[in-house]
N, C-alpha and C. Protein backbone atom coordinates (compact mmCIF):
# COMPACT_ATOMS: atom_id res chain seq x y z
N MET A 1 -7.55 28.22 4.68
CA MET A 1 -7.36 26.59 4.31
C MET A 1 -5.82 26.02 4.87
N GLU A 2 -6.73 24.86 5.13
CA GLU A 2 -5.83 23.66 5.97
C GLU A 2 -4.78 23.14 4.52
N THR A 3 -3.37 22.92 4.73
CA THR A 3 -2.20 22.00 4.30
C THR A 3 -1.71 20.73 4.79
N ILE A 4 -2.16 19.62 4.07
CA ILE A 4 -1.22 18.67 4.88
C ILE A 4 -0.52 18.13 3.69
N GLU A 5 0.84 18.17 4.28
CA GLU A 5 1.64 17.31 2.74
C GLU A 5 2.11 15.84 3.26
N LEU A 6 2.57 15.43 2.68
CA LEU A 6 2.84 13.61 3.01
C LEU A 6 3.83 13.54 1.77
N THR A 7 4.79 12.48 2.17
CA THR A 7 5.43 11.53 1.37
C THR A 7 5.15 10.06 1.11
N ALA A 8 5.09 10.43 -0.21
CA ALA A 8 4.03 8.41 -0.38
C ALA A 8 5.68 7.57 -1.58
N GLN A 9 5.48 6.81 -1.50
CA GLN A 9 6.28 5.75 -2.00
C GLN A 9 5.36 5.39 -3.74
N ASN A 10 6.11 4.80 -4.32
CA ASN A 10 5.58 3.87 -5.56
C ASN A 10 5.23 4.82 -6.36
N ILE A 11 5.47 5.97 -6.58
CA ILE A 11 4.66 7.32 -7.47
C ILE A 11 6.34 7.00 -8.37
N LYS A 12 6.29 6.47 -9.73
CA LYS A 12 6.19 6.32 -10.91
C LYS A 12 6.03 7.04 -12.36
N CYS A 13 5.44 7.76 -12.00
CA CYS A 13 4.55 8.18 -13.25
C CYS A 13 3.81 8.84 -12.88
N MET A 14 3.27 9.51 -14.57
CA MET A 14 1.66 10.51 -14.22
C MET A 14 0.71 9.82 -14.48
N GLY A 15 0.18 8.41 -14.42
CA GLY A 15 -0.77 7.78 -14.04
C GLY A 15 -1.07 7.75 -12.91
N CYS A 16 0.11 7.31 -11.58
CA CYS A 16 0.26 7.27 -10.34
C CYS A 16 -0.31 8.76 -9.51
N VAL A 17 0.54 9.39 -10.40
CA VAL A 17 0.04 10.67 -9.67
C VAL A 17 -1.20 11.49 -9.89
N SER A 18 -1.98 11.03 -11.50
CA SER A 18 -3.28 11.18 -11.51
C SER A 18 -4.06 10.57 -10.52
N ALA A 19 -4.07 9.34 -10.35
CA ALA A 19 -4.73 8.46 -9.77
C ALA A 19 -4.53 8.74 -7.77
N ILE A 20 -3.65 9.14 -7.43
CA ILE A 20 -3.78 10.27 -6.38
C ILE A 20 -4.78 11.03 -6.29
N GLN A 21 -4.32 11.83 -7.27
CA GLN A 21 -5.41 13.27 -7.09
C GLN A 21 -6.82 13.05 -7.56
N GLU A 22 -7.32 12.20 -8.31
CA GLU A 22 -8.28 11.83 -9.11
C GLU A 22 -8.72 10.56 -7.02
N GLY A 23 -8.30 10.11 -6.61
CA GLY A 23 -8.44 9.72 -5.63
C GLY A 23 -8.68 10.34 -4.25
N LEU A 24 -7.99 11.77 -4.12
CA LEU A 24 -7.93 12.56 -2.84
C LEU A 24 -9.29 13.10 -2.91
N LYS A 25 -9.48 13.76 -4.24
CA LYS A 25 -10.49 14.61 -4.28
C LYS A 25 -11.82 14.27 -4.18
N THR A 26 -11.95 12.68 -3.84
CA THR A 26 -13.27 12.49 -3.67
C THR A 26 -13.48 12.33 -2.08
N LEU A 27 -12.75 12.51 -1.06
CA LEU A 27 -12.68 12.80 0.13
C LEU A 27 -13.28 14.35 0.41
N PRO A 28 -14.46 14.30 1.88
CA PRO A 28 -14.86 15.39 1.99
C PRO A 28 -13.46 16.71 2.50
N GLY A 29 -14.10 17.89 1.74
CA GLY A 29 -12.69 18.89 2.63
C GLY A 29 -11.69 18.77 1.49
N VAL A 30 -11.38 17.93 0.45
CA VAL A 30 -10.46 18.55 -0.23
C VAL A 30 -11.04 19.41 -1.53
N GLU A 31 -9.98 20.07 -1.46
CA GLU A 31 -10.60 20.75 -2.71
C GLU A 31 -9.11 21.47 -3.85
N GLU A 32 -7.50 20.88 -3.54
CA GLU A 32 -6.77 20.86 -4.42
C GLU A 32 -5.53 20.01 -3.83
N VAL A 33 -5.04 19.17 -4.52
CA VAL A 33 -3.90 17.68 -4.45
C VAL A 33 -3.01 18.65 -5.54
N GLU A 34 -1.50 18.67 -4.95
CA GLU A 34 -0.88 18.36 -6.28
C GLU A 34 0.21 17.26 -5.69
N VAL A 35 1.05 16.30 -6.65
CA VAL A 35 1.53 15.51 -6.79
C VAL A 35 3.11 16.26 -7.37
N ASP A 36 4.32 15.70 -6.40
CA ASP A 36 5.06 15.76 -7.10
C ASP A 36 6.41 14.51 -7.59
N LEU A 37 6.46 14.63 -9.06
CA LEU A 37 7.03 13.08 -9.07
C LEU A 37 8.02 12.73 -8.84
N GLU A 38 8.94 14.03 -8.47
CA GLU A 38 10.66 13.59 -8.28
C GLU A 38 10.92 13.44 -6.76
N THR A 39 10.21 14.38 -6.35
CA THR A 39 10.04 14.50 -4.46
C THR A 39 9.15 13.18 -4.35
N LYS A 40 7.89 12.62 -4.78
CA LYS A 40 7.12 11.93 -4.30
C LYS A 40 5.78 12.46 -3.12
N GLN A 41 6.03 14.23 -2.93
CA GLN A 41 5.42 14.68 -2.14
C GLN A 41 3.80 15.23 -2.44
N VAL A 42 3.00 14.59 -1.52
CA VAL A 42 1.77 15.02 -1.73
C VAL A 42 1.49 15.67 -1.39
N THR A 43 0.33 16.98 -1.38
CA THR A 43 -0.16 18.36 -0.79
C THR A 43 -1.54 18.40 -0.84
N VAL A 44 -2.22 18.37 -0.21
CA VAL A 44 -3.58 18.28 0.19
C VAL A 44 -3.79 19.57 0.82
N SER A 45 -5.32 20.62 -0.21
CA SER A 45 -5.28 21.63 1.19
C SER A 45 -6.88 21.70 0.90
N GLY A 46 -7.70 22.23 1.60
CA GLY A 46 -8.70 22.24 1.69
C GLY A 46 -9.14 22.89 3.20
N HIS A 47 -10.62 22.33 3.35
CA HIS A 47 -11.19 22.91 4.51
C HIS A 47 -11.93 21.54 5.53
N GLY A 48 -11.60 21.41 6.68
CA GLY A 48 -11.95 20.16 7.75
C GLY A 48 -11.24 18.82 7.17
N LEU A 49 -10.32 19.28 6.89
CA LEU A 49 -8.77 17.63 5.91
C LEU A 49 -8.63 16.63 7.32
N SER A 50 -9.20 15.70 6.52
CA SER A 50 -8.71 14.42 8.40
C SER A 50 -7.57 13.64 7.13
N GLN A 51 -6.21 13.65 8.27
CA GLN A 51 -5.19 13.26 7.70
C GLN A 51 -5.28 11.77 8.09
N GLU A 52 -5.87 10.91 8.81
CA GLU A 52 -6.41 9.99 8.78
C GLU A 52 -6.67 9.40 7.64
N GLN A 53 -8.03 10.01 6.90
CA GLN A 53 -8.99 9.30 5.69
C GLN A 53 -7.52 10.04 4.78
N ILE A 54 -7.19 10.82 4.71
CA ILE A 54 -5.84 11.01 3.36
C ILE A 54 -4.77 9.59 3.64
N THR A 55 -4.18 9.67 4.67
CA THR A 55 -3.24 8.87 4.37
C THR A 55 -3.96 7.45 4.65
N ASP A 56 -5.20 7.02 4.68
CA ASP A 56 -5.40 5.62 4.18
C ASP A 56 -5.97 5.54 2.94
N LYS A 57 -6.58 7.01 1.83
CA LYS A 57 -6.79 6.90 0.95
C LYS A 57 -5.56 6.66 -0.02
N ILE A 58 -4.47 7.25 0.43
CA ILE A 58 -2.99 7.24 -0.81
C ILE A 58 -2.86 5.64 -0.16
N THR A 59 -2.75 4.96 0.99
CA THR A 59 -2.50 3.85 1.20
C THR A 59 -3.31 2.55 0.09
N THR A 60 -4.22 3.22 0.39
CA THR A 60 -5.36 2.10 -0.29
C THR A 60 -5.64 2.11 -2.01
N LEU A 61 -4.96 3.25 -2.07
CA LEU A 61 -4.75 3.37 -3.53
C LEU A 61 -3.22 2.94 -4.47
N GLY A 62 -2.40 2.31 -3.17
CA GLY A 62 -1.44 1.35 -3.08
C GLY A 62 -0.21 2.46 -3.42
N TYR A 63 -0.45 3.14 -2.59
CA TYR A 63 1.02 4.56 -2.22
C TYR A 63 1.41 4.35 -0.83
N PRO A 64 2.01 3.64 -0.41
CA PRO A 64 2.57 3.67 0.80
C PRO A 64 3.18 4.78 1.18
N LEU A 65 3.03 4.99 2.43
CA LEU A 65 3.79 6.54 2.96
C LEU A 65 5.35 6.03 3.51
N ALA A 66 5.76 7.13 3.69
CA ALA A 66 7.54 7.25 3.52
C ALA A 66 7.41 7.27 5.20
């Protein structure tokens, strides 16, 4: 299993966390998404992950990467 870790901005509440988790789970290969509200760390695990797709999805959801 692969893991990609990114830091996003504008994560302010559990609603933000949920939006990112649900949004990323729609991408191919994504099996697990963890978002740390305090550190703004987004950890994505799965097989055949595309960092470009993950980055684009997070940005589209309104959370630019740090």
